Amino acid sequence: MDLGIAGRKALVCAASKGLGRGCAEALAREGVAVTILARTESVVRKTAEEIGTMSGRAVQWLACDITTPEGRAAALAACPEPDILVNNAGGPPPGDFREWDRDMWIRAIDANMLTPIELIKATLDGMIAREFGRIVNITSSAVKAPIDILGLSNGARSGLTGFVAGLARKVARHNVTINNLLPGPFDTDRLRGNLEMRAKAARKPVEELRKAQMSANPAGRFGSAAEFGAACAFLCSAQAGYIVGQNVLIDGGGYPGTF
């Protein structure tokens, strides 16, 4: 399927690896002019080169901290007036809520709620004027089924979800859509880090917990960044203009609910 977005411009946050990279790769394959962001210059540069080689299109890159005003200004200077915005940020650390002070909560909210909102605010009116825009926020399956040790993420991402629910319906008539992608267990550094923490607490081998978690999922495996990226690319497509304000869960069937 031709997604109808060749030649569009995309800004993809936290895209040097994992799910963000999967989204950037999928968009680049569709002929989108992609700019990727991450904090570490050597890593984001290498990723841009690799995606460019894979897609046959030059990929722009920028090393910045997107959670700061200076980082956002630099990102929007590197990719002015994007048609596609993929908001993404590494999740806050797991742990016991008794250990989290106000500063930790503010960092979580800044990264996983306020930064996406600021980027939406900075890009939305241009999308409305051009009568095309696709905004995808990478959140978490924990928005639907909270994970006890990820309370910082549960709270911050749920706040973004509530904000998007109202805004998405105000701008849909301009062919601007805002949706959320909710990943379950994907084979990323984040998942591996959480497994290591759980294994240490349980005094069990990491591989034992890994196999058990995969077996517990109806799909019998973890997801891949490539299949996540493909879902993101479709939400950014010309054909997805009637998908508005949705929370699309991609978790291999792990969420047990009907709705």
Protein backbone atom coordinates (compact mmCIF):
# COMPACT_ATOMS: atom_id res chain seq x y z
CA MET A 1 0.00 0.00 0.00
CA ASP A 2 1.23 3.47 -0.90
CA LEU A 3 0.69 5.45 2.30
CA GLY A 4 0.56 8.73 0.41
CA ILE A 5 3.13 10.54 2.54
CA ALA A 6 6.19 10.57 0.25
CA GLY A 7 7.77 14.01 0.39
CA ARG A 8 6.22 14.90 3.75
CA LYS A 9 8.50 16.03 6.59
CA ALA A 10 8.67 14.15 9.89
CA LEU A 11 10.25 14.94 13.24
CA VAL A 12 10.82 11.78 15.29
CA CYS A 13 11.91 12.10 18.91
CA ALA A 14 14.13 9.64 20.81
CA ALA A 15 14.79 7.85 17.53
CA SER A 16 18.37 6.62 17.83
CA LYS A 17 17.22 3.15 18.92
CA GLY A 18 14.22 1.09 19.97
CA LEU A 19 10.68 2.03 19.06
CA GLY A 20 11.56 5.55 17.96
CA ARG A 21 14.08 4.17 15.49
CA GLY A 22 11.51 1.68 14.23
CA CYS A 23 9.14 4.57 13.48
CA ALA A 24 11.85 6.59 11.74
CA GLU A 25 12.84 3.63 9.57
CA ALA A 26 9.25 2.93 8.53
CA LEU A 27 8.62 6.57 7.61
CA ALA A 28 11.89 6.81 5.67
CA ARG A 29 10.90 3.73 3.65
CA GLU A 30 7.73 5.59 2.64
CA GLY A 31 9.74 8.46 1.19
CA VAL A 32 9.28 10.83 4.12
CA ALA A 33 12.03 13.38 4.82
CA VAL A 34 12.88 12.31 8.35
CA THR A 35 14.71 14.23 11.07
CA ILE A 36 15.63 12.15 14.10
CA LEU A 37 16.51 13.36 17.58
CA ALA A 38 18.35 11.84 20.52
CA ARG A 39 20.68 13.01 23.24
CA THR A 40 23.92 11.27 22.27
CA GLU A 41 25.55 12.71 19.15
CA SER A 42 27.60 9.69 18.14
CA VAL A 43 24.61 7.34 18.42
CA VAL A 44 22.04 9.52 16.65
CA ARG A 45 24.47 10.31 13.83
CA LYS A 46 25.21 6.62 13.29
CA THR A 47 21.50 5.78 13.30
CA ALA A 48 20.76 8.49 10.73
CA GLU A 49 23.48 7.11 8.47
CA GLU A 50 22.14 3.57 8.79
CA ILE A 51 18.53 4.56 8.10
CA GLY A 52 19.70 6.66 5.16
CA THR A 53 21.56 3.73 3.67
CA MET A 54 18.57 1.43 4.21
CA SER A 55 16.01 3.81 2.74
CA GLY A 56 18.06 5.49 0.05
CA ARG A 57 17.12 8.89 1.49
CA ALA A 58 19.27 11.27 3.53
CA VAL A 59 18.10 11.40 7.14
CA GLN A 60 18.71 14.56 9.12
CA TRP A 61 19.75 14.27 12.74
CA LEU A 62 20.20 16.40 15.82
CA ALA A 63 21.63 15.66 19.25
CA CYS A 64 19.57 17.55 21.83
CA ASP A 65 17.61 17.24 25.04
CA ILE A 66 14.04 17.57 23.82
CA THR A 67 12.78 18.07 27.38
CA THR A 68 14.36 21.55 27.50
CA PRO A 69 13.15 24.72 25.75
CA GLU A 70 16.55 25.02 24.06
CA GLY A 71 16.37 21.45 22.79
CA ARG A 72 12.88 21.94 21.38
CA ALA A 73 13.89 25.18 19.68
CA ALA A 74 16.87 23.44 18.08
CA ALA A 75 14.71 20.52 16.96
CA LEU A 76 12.16 22.79 15.32
CA ALA A 77 14.94 24.75 13.63
CA ALA A 78 16.33 21.50 12.23
CA CYS A 79 12.90 20.42 11.00
CA PRO A 80 10.71 23.50 10.57
CA GLU A 81 7.00 22.99 9.87
CA PRO A 82 6.89 19.19 10.11
CA ASP A 83 3.86 17.42 8.65
CA ILE A 84 4.41 14.45 10.97
CA LEU A 85 5.42 14.55 14.62
CA VAL A 86 6.28 11.41 16.56
CA ASN A 87 6.58 12.18 20.25
CA ASN A 88 8.68 9.72 22.20
CA ALA A 89 10.82 9.75 25.32
CA GLY A 90 12.48 7.18 27.49
CA GLY A 91 10.30 6.19 30.39
CA PRO A 92 11.13 7.23 33.96
CA PRO A 93 12.79 4.66 36.21
CA PRO A 94 10.80 1.89 37.86
CA GLY A 95 10.62 1.59 41.61
CA ASP A 96 8.56 2.05 44.77
CA PHE A 97 6.47 5.24 44.95
CA ARG A 98 7.77 5.82 48.47
CA GLU A 99 11.17 6.55 46.97
CA TRP A 100 10.00 9.20 44.50
CA ASP A 101 10.34 12.81 45.56
CA ARG A 102 8.88 15.87 43.87
CA ASP A 103 11.90 16.33 41.60
CA MET A 104 11.49 12.82 40.20
CA TRP A 105 7.81 13.42 39.53
CA ILE A 106 8.55 16.72 37.78
CA ARG A 107 11.18 15.07 35.56
CA ALA A 108 8.72 12.34 34.62
CA ILE A 109 5.95 14.81 33.84
CA ASP A 110 8.33 17.07 31.89
CA ALA A 111 9.56 14.23 29.68
CA ASN A 112 6.39 12.21 29.19
CA MET A 113 3.61 14.81 29.33
CA LEU A 114 4.70 18.44 29.05
CA THR A 115 7.36 18.01 26.34
CA PRO A 116 4.94 16.31 23.91
CA ILE A 117 2.37 19.01 24.63
CA GLU A 118 4.91 21.76 23.92
CA LEU A 119 5.87 20.14 20.61
CA ILE A 120 2.23 19.74 19.64
CA LYS A 121 1.64 23.41 20.46
CA ALA A 122 4.62 24.44 18.33
CA THR A 123 3.62 22.42 15.24
CA LEU A 124 -0.16 22.15 15.26
CA ASP A 125 -1.13 25.49 13.69
CA GLY A 126 1.18 24.92 10.73
CA MET A 127 -0.43 21.53 10.14
CA ILE A 128 -3.88 23.11 10.28
CA ALA A 129 -2.84 25.77 7.76
CA ARG A 130 -1.51 23.09 5.36
CA GLU A 131 -4.59 20.91 5.97
CA PHE A 132 -2.46 17.89 6.74
CA GLY A 133 -0.90 16.74 9.98
CA ARG A 134 -0.24 13.50 11.78
CA ILE A 135 0.84 13.43 15.42
CA VAL A 136 1.62 10.13 17.08
CA ASN A 137 2.51 9.93 20.75
CA ILE A 138 4.31 6.81 21.91
CA THR A 139 2.96 6.18 25.39
CA SER A 140 2.60 2.75 27.05
CA SER A 141 0.24 -0.15 27.57
CA ALA A 142 0.38 0.94 31.21
CA VAL A 143 -2.12 3.68 30.27
CA LYS A 144 -4.74 0.92 30.00
CA ALA A 145 -3.30 -1.57 32.49
CA PRO A 146 -1.03 0.14 35.03
CA ILE A 147 2.22 -1.59 35.97
CA ASP A 148 2.90 -1.28 39.68
CA ILE A 149 6.63 -0.54 39.49
CA LEU A 150 6.13 2.04 36.72
CA GLY A 151 4.05 4.53 38.68
CA LEU A 152 5.93 7.56 37.38
CA SER A 153 5.19 6.47 33.82
CA ASN A 154 1.60 5.49 34.62
CA GLY A 155 0.86 8.96 35.95
CA ALA A 156 2.71 11.13 33.42
CA ARG A 157 1.54 9.24 30.32
CA SER A 158 -2.04 9.12 31.53
CA GLY A 159 -1.95 12.90 31.84
CA LEU A 160 -0.85 13.21 28.20
CA THR A 161 -3.57 10.77 27.15
CA GLY A 162 -6.26 12.89 28.80
CA PHE A 163 -4.97 16.06 27.16
CA VAL A 164 -4.87 14.47 23.70
CA ALA A 165 -8.40 13.11 24.03
CA GLY A 166 -9.83 16.62 24.04
CA LEU A 167 -7.48 18.32 21.58
CA ALA A 168 -7.64 15.61 18.89
CA ARG A 169 -11.35 16.16 18.37
CA LYS A 170 -10.93 19.92 17.96
CA VAL A 171 -8.51 19.67 15.03
CA ALA A 172 -9.70 16.59 13.13
CA ARG A 173 -11.80 18.63 10.68
CA HIS A 174 -8.55 20.16 9.38
CA ASN A 175 -7.15 16.73 8.40
CA VAL A 176 -4.89 16.82 11.44
CA THR A 177 -4.97 13.70 13.57
CA ILE A 178 -3.51 13.02 17.00
CA ASN A 179 -3.32 9.44 18.23
CA ASN A 180 -1.39 7.43 20.78
CA LEU A 181 0.48 4.17 20.28
CA LEU A 182 0.59 2.03 23.41
CA PRO A 183 3.40 -0.53 23.30
CA GLY A 184 3.31 -3.61 25.44
CA PRO A 185 6.42 -5.80 25.78
CA PHE A 186 8.82 -4.98 22.97
CA ASP A 187 12.39 -6.21 22.80
CA THR A 188 14.05 -2.90 23.71
CA ASP A 189 16.67 -1.66 26.15
CA ARG A 190 13.84 -0.49 28.42
CA LEU A 191 12.35 -3.98 28.66
CA ARG A 192 15.74 -5.56 29.20
CA GLY A 193 16.51 -3.10 32.00
CA ASN A 194 13.22 -3.84 33.74
CA LEU A 195 13.86 -7.57 33.45
CA GLU A 196 17.28 -7.14 35.03
CA MET A 197 15.75 -5.20 37.93
CA ARG A 198 13.10 -7.86 38.49
CA ALA A 199 15.63 -10.66 38.24
CA LYS A 200 17.86 -9.01 40.82
CA ALA A 201 14.94 -8.52 43.21
CA ALA A 202 13.76 -12.10 42.75
CA ARG A 203 17.32 -13.52 42.74
CA LYS A 204 16.61 -15.37 39.53
CA PRO A 205 18.41 -15.50 36.17
CA VAL A 206 17.31 -12.82 33.71
CA GLU A 207 16.79 -15.40 30.97
CA GLU A 208 14.38 -17.35 33.16
CA LEU A 209 12.19 -14.28 33.65
CA ARG A 210 12.49 -13.37 29.97
CA LYS A 211 11.24 -16.75 28.83
CA ALA A 212 8.43 -16.69 31.39
CA GLN A 213 7.25 -13.24 30.28
CA MET A 214 7.28 -14.22 26.62
CA SER A 215 5.40 -17.44 27.37
CA ALA A 216 2.77 -15.50 29.34
CA ASN A 217 1.98 -13.29 26.34
CA PRO A 218 -0.68 -14.71 23.97
CA ALA A 219 1.69 -14.09 21.04
CA GLY A 220 4.39 -16.11 22.79
CA ARG A 221 7.06 -13.49 22.11
CA PHE A 222 8.06 -9.86 22.46
CA GLY A 223 7.27 -7.36 19.72
CA SER A 224 9.85 -5.95 17.32
CA ALA A 225 10.64 -2.31 16.66
CA ALA A 226 10.00 -2.87 12.94
CA GLU A 227 6.38 -3.96 13.41
CA PHE A 228 5.78 -1.10 15.83
CA GLY A 229 7.20 1.33 13.27
CA ALA A 230 4.90 -0.05 10.58
CA ALA A 231 1.88 0.69 12.76
CA CYS A 232 3.15 4.21 13.36
CA ALA A 233 3.66 4.78 9.63
CA PHE A 234 0.07 3.76 8.93
CA LEU A 235 -1.27 6.18 11.54
CA CYS A 236 0.74 8.86 9.74
CA SER A 237 -0.65 7.90 6.33
CA ALA A 238 -3.09 9.72 4.10
CA GLN A 239 -5.48 6.80 4.62
CA ALA A 240 -5.59 7.28 8.41
CA GLY A 241 -7.36 10.63 8.43
CA TYR A 242 -10.47 9.15 10.07
CA ILE A 243 -8.55 7.68 13.02
CA VAL A 244 -8.81 10.38 15.65
CA GLY A 245 -7.91 10.49 19.34
CA GLN A 246 -7.35 6.76 19.65
CA ASN A 247 -5.17 4.73 21.98
CA VAL A 248 -3.88 1.92 19.80
CA LEU A 249 -2.64 -0.93 21.96
CA ILE A 250 0.13 -3.09 20.47
CA ASP A 251 0.93 -5.78 23.00
CA GLY A 252 0.55 -9.20 21.43
CA GLY A 253 -2.83 -9.65 23.13
CA GLY A 254 -1.46 -9.13 26.63
CA TYR A 255 -4.26 -6.81 27.73
CA PRO A 256 -7.09 -9.15 28.78
CA GLY A 257 -10.03 -6.74 28.45
CA THR A 258 -12.78 -6.62 25.88
CA PHE A 259 -12.63 -2.82 25.57
